[in-house]
Amino acid sequence: MKLQSIIPLSSFGIQGPQGDVKAPGFAPDHELMGIVPSVNPHYLFRPELRLPVMNFLVNPGGDALGLVGPTGAGKTSIVAQVAARLNWPFRTIDAHSRMEIPELVGQMGLDCDPVTGDQRTVFRYGPLALAMKEGAIFLLNEADVLDPSVFAGLNAVLEGGYLVLADNGGEIIHAHPNFRFCITGNTRGQGDETGLYNGTLSQNLASWDRIRLLEVPYIDKASEMAILQSTMPTVDISILETMVDIANQVRKQFVGNPEMDLQPGEQGITVTFSTRTLLRWARLGITYSKAANANSGSFPFASPLAQALRESLSNRADKAMRLVLHTIAKDKFGSAWGADPVVS
């Protein structure tokens, strides 16, 4: 499978001054299309993120790519949606504190012979080994929760080297030219300064020296409004704008936000809005509001928007945090908020 300059930048919502410029990518009919991410037609690319990600994919230069930022900022989605437009095969796995190398590269397991029905022991390749063989993007989510010794065991792979599968007779996998290694994390590999991201660990400096880091902040208001309006074009723009303002105020007070700038008396919030969560709130809020208008005498919720907020976000928080979230929302919406029992 050969990387070619065949993908028009209009796929990313970009039109070049000299017509439709093309970017390196793959034909849309290759044999690994089954592991190419689905295109989200409402996804809005931020140029400051799209350009470095595409630059890495075209020319990694012996590096891996790391995307760091707060929860819900869009670290995974930017890589997945670039891959979707470029028809680039994509494999991903979420890291955890007990993860060991065999879970990534493969291990022996039982299989059943389709002819005889007899059990046999076979080697099953892990997602990292498969990505290296296929020439796929491999994305390790939440990599900063890994045991540092496990991460250090990937150093050769991080810089484009080979992988030795001792459990498969010492098989050596040389990385396909199209293989790319990416990670995401909430921290910068030096531990958690906020106390919010439980389980993250200080990582081996030699491992992170092999990674080019891209900071992923929360999306700006204008871009998020564009996403909401594209997804829900018939909804009153003032309602969507108020929801975005509420989301940004919550993010500002989120203790995992590195840009947090609390004023005296403000309390840090322990949950936050991703764009996905905001879309869920808007979708549920509009649905419940329409149902309330149609069934005013029998609708079970005094505040449709408050009920939608509970289901979308605030039910994850403790009672004190729910009070903070609903107070912010009530203050922004005013009388349109309705009688919310959480704050009444």
C-alpha atoms as a PDB file:
ATOM      1  CA  MET A   1       0.000   0.000   0.000  1.00  0.00           C
ATOM      2  CA  LYS A   2       1.700   3.155  -1.224  1.00  0.00           C
ATOM      3  CA  LEU A   3       1.384   6.665   0.189  1.00  0.00           C
ATOM      4  CA  GLN A   4       0.408   8.980  -2.668  1.00  0.00           C
ATOM      5  CA  SER A   5      -0.562  12.645  -3.091  1.00  0.00           C
ATOM      6  CA  ILE A   6      -4.196  11.976  -3.869  1.00  0.00           C
ATOM      7  CA  ILE A   7      -6.291  13.514  -1.073  1.00  0.00           C
ATOM      8  CA  PRO A   8      -7.759  16.973  -1.819  1.00  0.00           C
ATOM      9  CA  LEU A   9      -7.493  19.461   1.039  1.00  0.00           C
ATOM     10  CA  SER A  10     -11.147  20.283   0.471  1.00  0.00           C
ATOM     11  CA  SER A  11     -11.729  17.089   2.493  1.00  0.00           C
ATOM     12  CA  PHE A  12     -10.561  19.158   5.460  1.00  0.00           C
ATOM     13  CA  GLY A  13     -12.676  22.173   4.546  1.00  0.00           C
ATOM     14  CA  ILE A  14      -9.699  23.955   2.960  1.00  0.00           C
ATOM     15  CA  GLN A  15      -9.552  25.441  -0.525  1.00  0.00           C
ATOM     16  CA  GLY A  16      -6.126  26.447  -1.822  1.00  0.00           C
ATOM     17  CA  PRO A  17      -5.632  29.723  -3.732  1.00  0.00           C
ATOM     18  CA  GLN A  18      -4.594  27.779  -6.851  1.00  0.00           C
ATOM     19  CA  GLY A  19      -7.459  25.296  -6.728  1.00  0.00           C
ATOM     20  CA  ASP A  20      -7.790  22.082  -4.802  1.00  0.00           C
ATOM     21  CA  VAL A  21      -4.337  21.272  -3.379  1.00  0.00           C
ATOM     22  CA  LYS A  22      -3.686  17.600  -2.624  1.00  0.00           C
ATOM     23  CA  ALA A  23      -2.163  15.997   0.468  1.00  0.00           C
ATOM     24  CA  PRO A  24      -0.415  12.611   0.835  1.00  0.00           C
ATOM     25  CA  GLY A  25      -2.903   9.864   1.585  1.00  0.00           C
ATOM     26  CA  PHE A  26      -4.251   6.547   0.344  1.00  0.00           C
ATOM     27  CA  ALA A  27      -6.724   5.483  -2.295  1.00  0.00           C
ATOM     28  CA  PRO A  28     -10.206   4.887  -0.834  1.00  0.00           C
ATOM     29  CA  ASP A  29     -10.343   1.245  -1.955  1.00  0.00           C
ATOM     30  CA  HIS A  30      -7.280  -0.305  -0.269  1.00  0.00           C
ATOM     31  CA  GLU A  31      -7.411  -3.615   1.585  1.00  0.00           C
ATOM     32  CA  LEU A  32      -7.243  -2.034   5.072  1.00  0.00           C
ATOM     33  CA  MET A  33     -10.199   0.352   4.721  1.00  0.00           C
ATOM     34  CA  GLY A  34     -11.947  -1.693   7.413  1.00  0.00           C
ATOM     35  CA  ILE A  35      -9.717  -0.115  10.067  1.00  0.00           C
ATOM     36  CA  VAL A  36      -9.836   3.446   8.704  1.00  0.00           C
ATOM     37  CA  PRO A  37     -11.904   5.670  11.067  1.00  0.00           C
ATOM     38  CA  SER A  38     -15.317   6.887   9.937  1.00  0.00           C
ATOM     39  CA  VAL A  39     -15.518  10.490   8.769  1.00  0.00           C
ATOM     40  CA  ASN A  40     -17.423  12.802  11.112  1.00  0.00           C
ATOM     41  CA  PRO A  41     -18.990  15.283   8.667  1.00  0.00           C
ATOM     42  CA  HIS A  42     -19.473  17.873  11.422  1.00  0.00           C
ATOM     43  CA  TYR A  43     -15.876  17.757  12.637  1.00  0.00           C
ATOM     44  CA  LEU A  44     -14.181  21.155  12.505  1.00  0.00           C
ATOM     45  CA  PHE A  45     -10.417  21.068  12.001  1.00  0.00           C
ATOM     46  CA  ARG A  46      -8.337  23.550  13.946  1.00  0.00           C
ATOM     47  CA  PRO A  47      -5.451  24.584  11.651  1.00  0.00           C
ATOM     48  CA  GLU A  48      -3.019  24.831  14.568  1.00  0.00           C
ATOM     49  CA  LEU A  49      -3.633  21.122  15.273  1.00  0.00           C
ATOM     50  CA  ARG A  50      -4.311  19.764  11.790  1.00  0.00           C
ATOM     51  CA  LEU A  51      -1.068  21.078  10.302  1.00  0.00           C
ATOM     52  CA  PRO A  52       1.311  19.540  12.914  1.00  0.00           C
ATOM     53  CA  VAL A  53      -0.550  16.208  12.840  1.00  0.00           C
ATOM     54  CA  MET A  54      -0.413  16.034   9.033  1.00  0.00           C
ATOM     55  CA  ASN A  55       3.215  17.141   9.048  1.00  0.00           C
ATOM     56  CA  PHE A  56       4.051  14.301  11.457  1.00  0.00           C
ATOM     57  CA  LEU A  57       2.197  11.720   9.375  1.00  0.00           C
ATOM     58  CA  VAL A  58       3.981  12.773   6.185  1.00  0.00           C
ATOM     59  CA  ASN A  59       7.436  13.102   7.759  1.00  0.00           C
ATOM     60  CA  PRO A  60       7.815  11.707  11.306  1.00  0.00           C
ATOM     61  CA  GLY A  61      11.592  12.143  11.237  1.00  0.00           C
ATOM     62  CA  GLY A  62      12.190   9.295  13.674  1.00  0.00           C
ATOM     63  CA  ASP A  63       9.739  10.710  16.234  1.00  0.00           C
ATOM     64  CA  ALA A  64       6.518   9.599  17.811  1.00  0.00           C
ATOM     65  CA  LEU A  65       3.738  12.165  18.279  1.00  0.00           C
ATOM     66  CA  GLY A  66       2.315  13.054  21.678  1.00  0.00           C
ATOM     67  CA  LEU A  67      -0.865  15.080  22.209  1.00  0.00           C
ATOM     68  CA  VAL A  68      -1.309  16.478  25.705  1.00  0.00           C
ATOM     69  CA  GLY A  69      -4.134  18.510  27.188  1.00  0.00           C
ATOM     70  CA  PRO A  70      -7.119  18.485  29.524  1.00  0.00           C
ATOM     71  CA  THR A  71      -9.968  16.005  29.418  1.00  0.00           C
ATOM     72  CA  GLY A  72     -12.338  16.583  26.521  1.00  0.00           C
ATOM     73  CA  ALA A  73     -10.037  18.849  24.492  1.00  0.00           C
ATOM     74  CA  GLY A  74     -10.112  16.589  21.417  1.00  0.00           C
ATOM     75  CA  LYS A  75      -6.727  14.856  21.498  1.00  0.00           C
ATOM     76  CA  THR A  76      -7.855  11.533  20.056  1.00  0.00           C
ATOM     77  CA  SER A  77     -10.363  12.946  17.599  1.00  0.00           C
ATOM     78  CA  ILE A  78      -7.886  15.153  15.730  1.00  0.00           C
ATOM     79  CA  VAL A  79      -5.683  12.159  14.869  1.00  0.00           C
ATOM     80  CA  ALA A  80      -8.656   9.925  14.043  1.00  0.00           C
ATOM     81  CA  GLN A  81     -10.329  12.498  11.802  1.00  0.00           C
ATOM     82  CA  VAL A  82      -7.125  13.319   9.929  1.00  0.00           C
ATOM     83  CA  ALA A  83      -6.652   9.571   9.402  1.00  0.00           C
ATOM     84  CA  ALA A  84     -10.258   9.299   8.191  1.00  0.00           C
ATOM     85  CA  ARG A  85      -9.713  11.943   5.486  1.00  0.00           C
ATOM     86  CA  LEU A  86      -6.398  10.427   4.392  1.00  0.00           C
ATOM     87  CA  ASN A  87      -7.800   6.863   4.362  1.00  0.00           C
ATOM     88  CA  TRP A  88      -4.948   5.932   6.720  1.00  0.00           C
ATOM     89  CA  PRO A  89      -5.416   2.653   8.660  1.00  0.00           C
ATOM     90  CA  PHE A  90      -5.763   3.361  12.378  1.00  0.00           C
ATOM     91  CA  ARG A  91      -5.457   1.181  15.470  1.00  0.00           C
ATOM     92  CA  THR A  92      -5.901   2.379  19.024  1.00  0.00           C
ATOM     93  CA  ILE A  93      -5.897   1.021  22.556  1.00  0.00           C
ATOM     94  CA  ASP A  94      -6.445   2.632  25.957  1.00  0.00           C
ATOM     95  CA  ALA A  95      -3.539   2.270  28.371  1.00  0.00           C
ATOM     96  CA  HIS A  96      -4.024   1.226  31.987  1.00  0.00           C
ATOM     97  CA  SER A  97      -1.757   0.905  35.003  1.00  0.00           C
ATOM     98  CA  ARG A  98      -1.462  -2.913  34.755  1.00  0.00           C
ATOM     99  CA  MET A  99      -0.782  -2.977  31.016  1.00  0.00           C
ATOM    100  CA  GLU A 100       2.286  -4.955  30.020  1.00  0.00           C
ATOM    101  CA  ILE A 101       4.144  -5.334  26.728  1.00  0.00           C
ATOM    102  CA  PRO A 102       2.353  -8.566  25.622  1.00  0.00           C
ATOM    103  CA  GLU A 103      -0.995  -6.742  25.637  1.00  0.00           C
ATOM    104  CA  LEU A 104       0.439  -4.371  23.035  1.00  0.00           C
ATOM    105  CA  VAL A 105       2.565  -6.685  20.885  1.00  0.00           C
ATOM    106  CA  GLY A 106       0.853 -10.061  21.250  1.00  0.00           C
ATOM    107  CA  GLN A 107       0.896 -13.284  23.240  1.00  0.00           C
ATOM    108  CA  MET A 108       0.154 -16.985  23.020  1.00  0.00           C
ATOM    109  CA  GLY A 109      -3.462 -18.086  23.271  1.00  0.00           C
ATOM    110  CA  LEU A 110      -5.752 -21.011  22.622  1.00  0.00           C
ATOM    111  CA  ASP A 111      -7.437 -21.482  19.261  1.00  0.00           C
ATOM    112  CA  CYS A 112      -9.717 -24.135  17.794  1.00  0.00           C
ATOM    113  CA  ASP A 113      -8.778 -25.915  14.577  1.00  0.00           C
ATOM    114  CA  PRO A 114     -11.683 -25.258  12.162  1.00  0.00           C
ATOM    115  CA  VAL A 115     -11.319 -28.722  10.576  1.00  0.00           C
ATOM    116  CA  THR A 116     -10.624 -31.099  13.473  1.00  0.00           C
ATOM    117  CA  GLY A 117     -12.037 -29.045  16.336  1.00  0.00           C
ATOM    118  CA  ASP A 118      -8.862 -29.663  18.319  1.00  0.00           C
ATOM    119  CA  GLN A 119      -7.493 -26.940  20.558  1.00  0.00           C
ATOM    120  CA  ARG A 120      -4.110 -25.534  19.666  1.00  0.00           C
ATOM    121  CA  THR A 121      -1.793 -22.834  20.935  1.00  0.00           C
ATOM    122  CA  VAL A 122      -1.239 -19.945  18.552  1.00  0.00           C
ATOM    123  CA  PHE A 123       0.369 -16.528  18.741  1.00  0.00           C
ATOM    124  CA  ARG A 124      -2.097 -13.623  18.576  1.00  0.00           C
ATOM    125  CA  TYR A 125      -0.628 -10.330  17.423  1.00  0.00           C
ATOM    126  CA  GLY A 126      -1.420  -7.270  19.534  1.00  0.00           C
ATOM    127  CA  PRO A 127      -2.538  -3.919  18.076  1.00  0.00           C
ATOM    128  CA  LEU A 128       0.954  -2.412  18.087  1.00  0.00           C
ATOM    129  CA  ALA A 129       2.484  -5.361  16.220  1.00  0.00           C
ATOM    130  CA  LEU A 130      -0.373  -5.344  13.713  1.00  0.00           C
ATOM    131  CA  ALA A 131      -0.001  -1.604  13.102  1.00  0.00           C
ATOM    132  CA  MET A 132       3.733  -2.026  12.529  1.00  0.00           C
ATOM    133  CA  LYS A 133       3.148  -4.845  10.020  1.00  0.00           C
ATOM    134  CA  GLU A 134       0.279  -3.081   8.209  1.00  0.00           C
ATOM    135  CA  GLY A 135       1.592   0.470   8.105  1.00  0.00           C
ATOM    136  CA  ALA A 136      -1.181   1.847  10.311  1.00  0.00           C
ATOM    137  CA  ILE A 137      -1.294   4.724  12.771  1.00  0.00           C
ATOM    138  CA  PHE A 138      -1.090   3.324  16.293  1.00  0.00           C
ATOM    139  CA  LEU A 139      -2.598   5.550  18.989  1.00  0.00           C
ATOM    140  CA  LEU A 140      -1.953   4.725  22.639  1.00  0.00           C
ATOM    141  CA  ASN A 141      -4.523   6.660  24.665  1.00  0.00           C
ATOM    142  CA  GLU A 142      -3.775   7.837  28.215  1.00  0.00           C
ATOM    143  CA  ALA A 143      -0.151   6.754  27.858  1.00  0.00           C
ATOM    144  CA  ASP A 144       0.865   8.589  31.041  1.00  0.00           C
ATOM    145  CA  VAL A 145      -0.822   5.921  33.203  1.00  0.00           C
ATOM    146  CA  LEU A 146       1.605   3.247  31.967  1.00  0.00           C
ATOM    147  CA  ASP A 147       4.261   1.847  34.260  1.00  0.00           C
ATOM    148  CA  PRO A 148       7.394   3.795  33.199  1.00  0.00           C
ATOM    149  CA  SER A 149       9.326   0.542  32.703  1.00  0.00           C
ATOM    150  CA  VAL A 150       6.692  -0.645  30.207  1.00  0.00           C
ATOM    151  CA  PHE A 151       6.857   2.638  28.325  1.00  0.00           C
ATOM    152  CA  ALA A 152      10.661   2.439  28.282  1.00  0.00           C
ATOM    153  CA  GLY A 153      10.349  -0.997  26.699  1.00  0.00           C
ATOM    154  CA  LEU A 154       8.835   0.698  23.649  1.00  0.00           C
ATOM    155  CA  ASN A 155      11.757   3.074  23.088  1.00  0.00           C
ATOM    156  CA  ALA A 156      13.025   1.337  19.959  1.00  0.00           C
ATOM    157  CA  VAL A 157       9.534   1.337  18.432  1.00  0.00           C
ATOM    158  CA  LEU A 158       8.974   4.999  19.343  1.00  0.00           C
ATOM    159  CA  GLU A 159      11.893   6.013  17.171  1.00  0.00           C
ATOM    160  CA  GLY A 160      10.932   3.799  14.246  1.00  0.00           C
ATOM    161  CA  GLY A 161      12.999   0.725  15.087  1.00  0.00           C
ATOM    162  CA  TYR A 162      12.076  -2.942  15.068  1.00  0.00           C
ATOM    163  CA  LEU A 163      10.087  -5.122  17.451  1.00  0.00           C
ATOM    164  CA  VAL A 164      11.219  -8.561  18.652  1.00  0.00           C
ATOM    165  CA  LEU A 165       8.432 -11.027  19.533  1.00  0.00           C
ATOM    166  CA  ALA A 166      10.172 -13.456  21.883  1.00  0.00           C
ATOM    167  CA  ASP A 167       6.961 -15.439  22.407  1.00  0.00           C
ATOM    168  CA  ASN A 168       6.647 -16.029  18.658  1.00  0.00           C
ATOM    169  CA  GLY A 169       9.997 -17.686  18.102  1.00  0.00           C
ATOM    170  CA  GLY A 170      11.917 -14.420  18.175  1.00  0.00           C
ATOM    171  CA  GLU A 171      10.064 -12.978  15.178  1.00  0.00           C
ATOM    172  CA  ILE A 172      11.394  -9.550  14.213  1.00  0.00           C
ATOM    173  CA  ILE A 173       8.924  -6.978  12.908  1.00  0.00           C
ATOM    174  CA  HIS A 174      10.482  -4.066  11.064  1.00  0.00           C
ATOM    175  CA  ALA A 175       8.142  -1.087  11.003  1.00  0.00           C
ATOM    176  CA  HIS A 176       6.290  -0.592   7.722  1.00  0.00           C
ATOM    177  CA  PRO A 177       7.206   2.777   6.134  1.00  0.00           C
ATOM    178  CA  ASN A 178       3.646   4.000   6.779  1.00  0.00           C
ATOM    179  CA  PHE A 179       3.638   3.045  10.478  1.00  0.00           C
ATOM    180  CA  ARG A 180       3.177   5.982  12.874  1.00  0.00           C
ATOM    181  CA  PHE A 181       3.180   5.911  16.693  1.00  0.00           C
ATOM    182  CA  CYS A 182       1.017   8.442  18.564  1.00  0.00           C
ATOM    183  CA  ILE A 183       0.118   8.850  22.229  1.00  0.00           C
ATOM    184  CA  THR A 184      -2.295  11.014  24.188  1.00  0.00           C
ATOM    185  CA  GLY A 185      -2.142  12.070  27.822  1.00  0.00           C
ATOM    186  CA  ASN A 186      -3.487  14.563  30.325  1.00  0.00           C
ATOM    187  CA  THR A 187      -0.017  15.264  31.683  1.00  0.00           C
ATOM    188  CA  ARG A 188       3.380  15.951  30.147  1.00  0.00           C
ATOM    189  CA  GLY A 189       5.025  12.791  31.423  1.00  0.00           C
ATOM    190  CA  GLN A 190       6.153  14.412  34.674  1.00  0.00           C
ATOM    191  CA  GLY A 191       3.235  13.417  36.878  1.00  0.00           C
ATOM    192  CA  ASP A 192      -0.030  15.121  37.781  1.00  0.00           C
ATOM    193  CA  GLU A 193       0.174  18.582  39.332  1.00  0.00           C
ATOM    194  CA  THR A 194      -3.603  18.960  39.746  1.00  0.00           C
ATOM    195  CA  GLY A 195      -4.470  15.894  41.816  1.00  0.00           C
ATOM    196  CA  LEU A 196      -7.308  15.158  39.385  1.00  0.00           C
ATOM    197  CA  TYR A 197      -5.805  12.599  37.015  1.00  0.00           C
ATOM    198  CA  ASN A 198      -5.458   9.666  39.382  1.00  0.00           C
ATOM    199  CA  GLY A 199      -3.139   6.949  38.170  1.00  0.00           C
ATOM    200  CA  THR A 200      -0.890   9.086  35.981  1.00  0.00           C
ATOM    201  CA  LEU A 201       2.817   8.553  36.612  1.00  0.00           C
ATOM    202  CA  SER A 202       6.093  10.338  36.008  1.00  0.00           C
ATOM    203  CA  GLN A 203       7.508   8.733  32.881  1.00  0.00           C
ATOM    204  CA  ASN A 204      11.021   7.862  31.804  1.00  0.00           C
ATOM    205  CA  LEU A 205      12.628  10.994  30.363  1.00  0.00           C
ATOM    206  CA  ALA A 206      14.423   8.972  27.679  1.00  0.00           C
ATOM    207  CA  SER A 207      11.050   7.725  26.382  1.00  0.00           C
ATOM    208  CA  TRP A 208       9.528  11.199  26.168  1.00  0.00           C
ATOM    209  CA  ASP A 209      12.674  12.495  24.471  1.00  0.00           C
ATOM    210  CA  ARG A 210      11.569  10.404  21.482  1.00  0.00           C
ATOM    211  CA  ILE A 211       8.204  12.181  21.248  1.00  0.00           C
ATOM    212  CA  ARG A 212       7.331  15.516  19.683  1.00  0.00           C
ATOM    213  CA  LEU A 213       4.628  17.081  21.853  1.00  0.00           C
ATOM    214  CA  LEU A 214       1.574  18.937  20.625  1.00  0.00           C
ATOM    215  CA  GLU A 215      -0.528  20.842  23.160  1.00  0.00           C
ATOM    216  CA  VAL A 216      -4.283  20.495  22.632  1.00  0.00           C
ATOM    217  CA  PRO A 217      -6.273  23.220  24.433  1.00  0.00           C
ATOM    218  CA  TYR A 218     -10.042  23.515  24.550  1.00  0.00           C
ATOM    219  CA  ILE A 219     -11.689  24.633  21.325  1.00  0.00           C
ATOM    220  CA  ASP A 220     -12.519  28.350  20.971  1.00  0.00           C
ATOM    221  CA  LYS A 221     -16.095  29.644  21.181  1.00  0.00           C
ATOM    222  CA  ALA A 222     -16.524  30.521  17.497  1.00  0.00           C
ATOM    223  CA  SER A 223     -15.418  27.059  16.359  1.00  0.00           C
ATOM    224  CA  GLU A 224     -17.626  25.294  18.876  1.00  0.00           C
ATOM    225  CA  MET A 225     -20.592  27.399  17.824  1.00  0.00           C
ATOM    226  CA  ALA A 226     -19.941  26.383  14.222  1.00  0.00           C
ATOM    227  CA  ILE A 227     -19.997  22.700  15.225  1.00  0.00           C
ATOM    228  CA  LEU A 228     -23.268  23.059  17.165  1.00  0.00           C
ATOM    229  CA  GLN A 229     -24.944  25.029  14.391  1.00  0.00           C
ATOM    230  CA  SER A 230     -23.825  22.493  11.797  1.00  0.00           C
ATOM    231  CA  THR A 231     -25.189  19.636  13.906  1.00  0.00           C
ATOM    232  CA  MET A 232     -28.407  21.400  14.963  1.00  0.00           C
ATOM    233  CA  PRO A 233     -29.140  24.037  12.310  1.00  0.00           C
ATOM    234  CA  THR A 234     -32.756  24.645  13.377  1.00  0.00           C
ATOM    235  CA  VAL A 235     -32.023  25.473  17.027  1.00  0.00           C
ATOM    236  CA  ASP A 236     -32.177  29.102  18.183  1.00  0.00           C
ATOM    237  CA  ILE A 237     -28.628  30.448  18.038  1.00  0.00           C
ATOM    238  CA  SER A 238     -29.034  32.287  21.361  1.00  0.00           C
ATOM    239  CA  ILE A 239     -29.677  28.977  23.157  1.00  0.00           C
ATOM    240  CA  LEU A 240     -26.589  27.368  21.651  1.00  0.00           C
ATOM    241  CA  GLU A 241     -24.494  30.441  22.446  1.00  0.00           C
ATOM    242  CA  THR A 242     -25.604  30.351  26.091  1.00  0.00           C
ATOM    243  CA  MET A 243     -24.712  26.664  26.312  1.00  0.00           C
ATOM    244  CA  VAL A 244     -21.243  27.322  24.893  1.00  0.00           C
ATOM    245  CA  ASP A 245     -20.734  30.182  27.383  1.00  0.00           C
ATOM    246  CA  ILE A 246     -21.688  27.847  30.240  1.00  0.00           C
ATOM    247  CA  ALA A 247     -19.329  25.152  28.959  1.00  0.00           C
ATOM    248  CA  ASN A 248     -16.459  27.632  28.754  1.00  0.00           C
ATOM    249  CA  GLN A 249     -17.099  28.940  32.267  1.00  0.00           C
ATOM    250  CA  VAL A 250     -17.043  25.362  33.582  1.00  0.00           C
ATOM    251  CA  ARG A 251     -13.813  24.659  31.680  1.00  0.00           C
ATOM    252  CA  LYS A 252     -12.259  27.796  33.102  1.00  0.00           C
ATOM    253  CA  GLN A 253     -12.927  26.513  36.615  1.00  0.00           C
ATOM    254  CA  PHE A 254     -12.010  22.897  35.848  1.00  0.00           C
ATOM    255  CA  VAL A 255      -9.063  21.970  38.050  1.00  0.00           C
ATOM    256  CA  GLY A 256      -7.552  19.857  35.260  1.00  0.00           C
ATOM    257  CA  ASN A 257      -7.362  22.838  32.894  1.00  0.00           C
ATOM    258  CA  PRO A 258      -3.743  24.069  32.763  1.00  0.00           C
ATOM    259  CA  GLU A 259      -5.070  27.541  31.902  1.00  0.00           C
ATOM    260  CA  MET A 260      -7.322  27.650  34.964  1.00  0.00           C
ATOM    261  CA  ASP A 261      -7.430  31.178  36.361  1.00  0.00           C
ATOM    262  CA  LEU A 262      -9.795  31.205  39.315  1.00  0.00           C
ATOM    263  CA  GLN A 263     -10.823  34.459  40.887  1.00  0.00           C
ATOM    264  CA  PRO A 264     -10.969  34.838  44.694  1.00  0.00           C
ATOM    265  CA  GLY A 265     -13.928  32.873  46.033  1.00  0.00           C
ATOM    266  CA  GLU A 266     -14.307  30.686  42.930  1.00  0.00           C
ATOM    267  CA  GLN A 267     -14.285  26.931  43.466  1.00  0.00           C
ATOM    268  CA  GLY A 268     -12.461  24.523  41.199  1.00  0.00           C
ATOM    269  CA  ILE A 269     -14.781  22.099  39.379  1.00  0.00           C
ATOM    270  CA  THR A 270     -13.865  18.421  39.111  1.00  0.00           C
ATOM    271  CA  VAL A 271     -15.833  17.551  35.936  1.00  0.00           C
ATOM    272  CA  THR A 272     -15.899  19.397  32.643  1.00  0.00           C
ATOM    273  CA  PHE A 273     -17.439  19.708  29.193  1.00  0.00           C
ATOM    274  CA  SER A 274     -15.946  18.076  26.159  1.00  0.00           C
ATOM    275  CA  THR A 275     -17.463  19.143  22.853  1.00  0.00           C
ATOM    276  CA  ARG A 276     -19.102  15.700  22.802  1.00  0.00           C
ATOM    277  CA  THR A 277     -20.697  16.371  26.204  1.00  0.00           C
ATOM    278  CA  LEU A 278     -21.842  19.816  25.076  1.00  0.00           C
ATOM    279  CA  LEU A 279     -23.472  18.344  21.973  1.00  0.00           C
ATOM    280  CA  ARG A 280     -25.216  15.742  24.144  1.00  0.00           C
ATOM    281  CA  TRP A 281     -26.549  18.443  26.456  1.00  0.00           C
ATOM    282  CA  ALA A 282     -27.805  20.527  23.540  1.00  0.00           C
ATOM    283  CA  ARG A 283     -29.448  17.543  21.855  1.00  0.00           C
ATOM    284  CA  LEU A 284     -31.169  16.337  25.050  1.00  0.00           C
ATOM    285  CA  GLY A 285     -32.087  19.865  26.129  1.00  0.00           C
ATOM    286  CA  ILE A 286     -33.822  20.633  22.849  1.00  0.00           C
ATOM    287  CA  THR A 287     -35.580  17.250  22.833  1.00  0.00           C
ATOM    288  CA  TYR A 288     -36.874  17.682  26.401  1.00  0.00           C
ATOM    289  CA  SER A 289     -37.868  21.303  25.810  1.00  0.00           C
ATOM    290  CA  LYS A 290     -39.972  20.309  22.792  1.00  0.00           C
ATOM    291  CA  ALA A 291     -41.575  17.489  24.795  1.00  0.00           C
ATOM    292  CA  ALA A 292     -42.326  19.882  27.671  1.00  0.00           C
ATOM    293  CA  ASN A 293     -44.044  22.333  25.310  1.00  0.00           C
ATOM    294  CA  ALA A 294     -46.109  19.542  23.781  1.00  0.00           C
ATOM    295  CA  ASN A 295     -47.040  17.932  27.107  1.00  0.00           C
ATOM    296  CA  SER A 296     -47.070  20.820  29.562  1.00  0.00           C
ATOM    297  CA  GLY A 297     -49.465  19.128  31.966  1.00  0.00           C
ATOM    298  CA  SER A 298     -47.717  15.786  32.202  1.00  0.00           C
ATOM    299  CA  PHE A 299     -44.022  16.463  31.551  1.00  0.00           C
ATOM    300  CA  PRO A 300     -42.116  15.038  34.569  1.00  0.00           C
ATOM    301  CA  PHE A 301     -39.220  17.546  34.733  1.00  0.00           C
ATOM    302  CA  ALA A 302     -39.606  21.104  36.025  1.00  0.00           C
ATOM    303  CA  SER A 303     -36.571  22.196  34.009  1.00  0.00           C
ATOM    304  CA  PRO A 304     -35.906  20.358  30.725  1.00  0.00           C
ATOM    305  CA  LEU A 305     -32.475  21.975  30.382  1.00  0.00           C
ATOM    306  CA  ALA A 306     -31.525  20.981  33.936  1.00  0.00           C
ATOM    307  CA  GLN A 307     -32.558  17.372  33.385  1.00  0.00           C
ATOM    308  CA  ALA A 308     -30.518  17.296  30.183  1.00  0.00           C
ATOM    309  CA  LEU A 309     -27.514  18.694  32.061  1.00  0.00           C
ATOM    310  CA  ARG A 310     -27.830  15.980  34.701  1.00  0.00           C
ATOM    311  CA  GLU A 311     -27.820  13.209  32.112  1.00  0.00           C
ATOM    312  CA  SER A 312     -25.021  14.802  30.100  1.00  0.00           C
ATOM    313  CA  LEU A 313     -22.601  15.849  32.820  1.00  0.00           C
ATOM    314  CA  SER A 314     -23.639  16.759  36.349  1.00  0.00           C
ATOM    315  CA  ASN A 315     -24.692  13.265  37.484  1.00  0.00           C
ATOM    316  CA  ARG A 316     -20.983  12.383  37.314  1.00  0.00           C
ATOM    317  CA  ALA A 317     -20.240  14.948  40.026  1.00  0.00           C
ATOM    318  CA  ASP A 318     -20.837  14.921  43.776  1.00  0.00           C
ATOM    319  CA  LYS A 319     -23.625  16.995  45.316  1.00  0.00           C
ATOM    320  CA  ALA A 320     -21.475  20.094  45.866  1.00  0.00           C
ATOM    321  CA  MET A 321     -20.197  20.074  42.286  1.00  0.00           C
ATOM    322  CA  ARG A 322     -23.710  19.529  40.909  1.00  0.00           C
ATOM    323  CA  LEU A 323     -24.820  22.619  42.804  1.00  0.00           C
ATOM    324  CA  VAL A 324     -21.981  24.651  41.263  1.00  0.00           C
ATOM    325  CA  LEU A 325     -22.734  23.422  37.728  1.00  0.00           C
ATOM    326  CA  HIS A 326     -26.469  24.059  37.929  1.00  0.00           C
ATOM    327  CA  THR A 327     -25.955  27.465  39.538  1.00  0.00           C
ATOM    328  CA  ILE A 328     -23.694  28.522  36.650  1.00  0.00           C
ATOM    329  CA  ALA A 329     -26.281  27.322  34.130  1.00  0.00           C
ATOM    330  CA  LYS A 330     -29.231  28.942  35.932  1.00  0.00           C
ATOM    331  CA  ASP A 331     -27.395  32.274  36.153  1.00  0.00           C
ATOM    332  CA  LYS A 332     -26.691  32.196  32.404  1.00  0.00           C
ATOM    333  CA  PHE A 333     -30.154  31.100  31.258  1.00  0.00           C
ATOM    334  CA  GLY A 334     -32.153  33.177  33.740  1.00  0.00           C
ATOM    335  CA  SER A 335     -35.913  32.599  33.644  1.00  0.00           C
ATOM    336  CA  ALA A 336     -35.568  30.197  30.691  1.00  0.00           C
ATOM    337  CA  TRP A 337     -33.888  27.716  33.040  1.00  0.00           C
ATOM    338  CA  GLY A 338     -37.096  26.856  34.888  1.00  0.00           C
ATOM    339  CA  ALA A 339     -37.546  25.443  38.395  1.00  0.00           C
ATOM    340  CA  ASP A 340     -34.473  23.289  38.958  1.00  0.00           C
ATOM    341  CA  PRO A 341     -34.775  21.368  42.273  1.00  0.00           C
ATOM    342  CA  VAL A 342     -30.985  21.118  42.530  1.00  0.00           C
ATOM    343  CA  VAL A 343     -30.656  24.854  43.164  1.00  0.00           C
ATOM    344  CA  SER A 344     -34.121  25.911  44.301  1.00  0.00           C
END
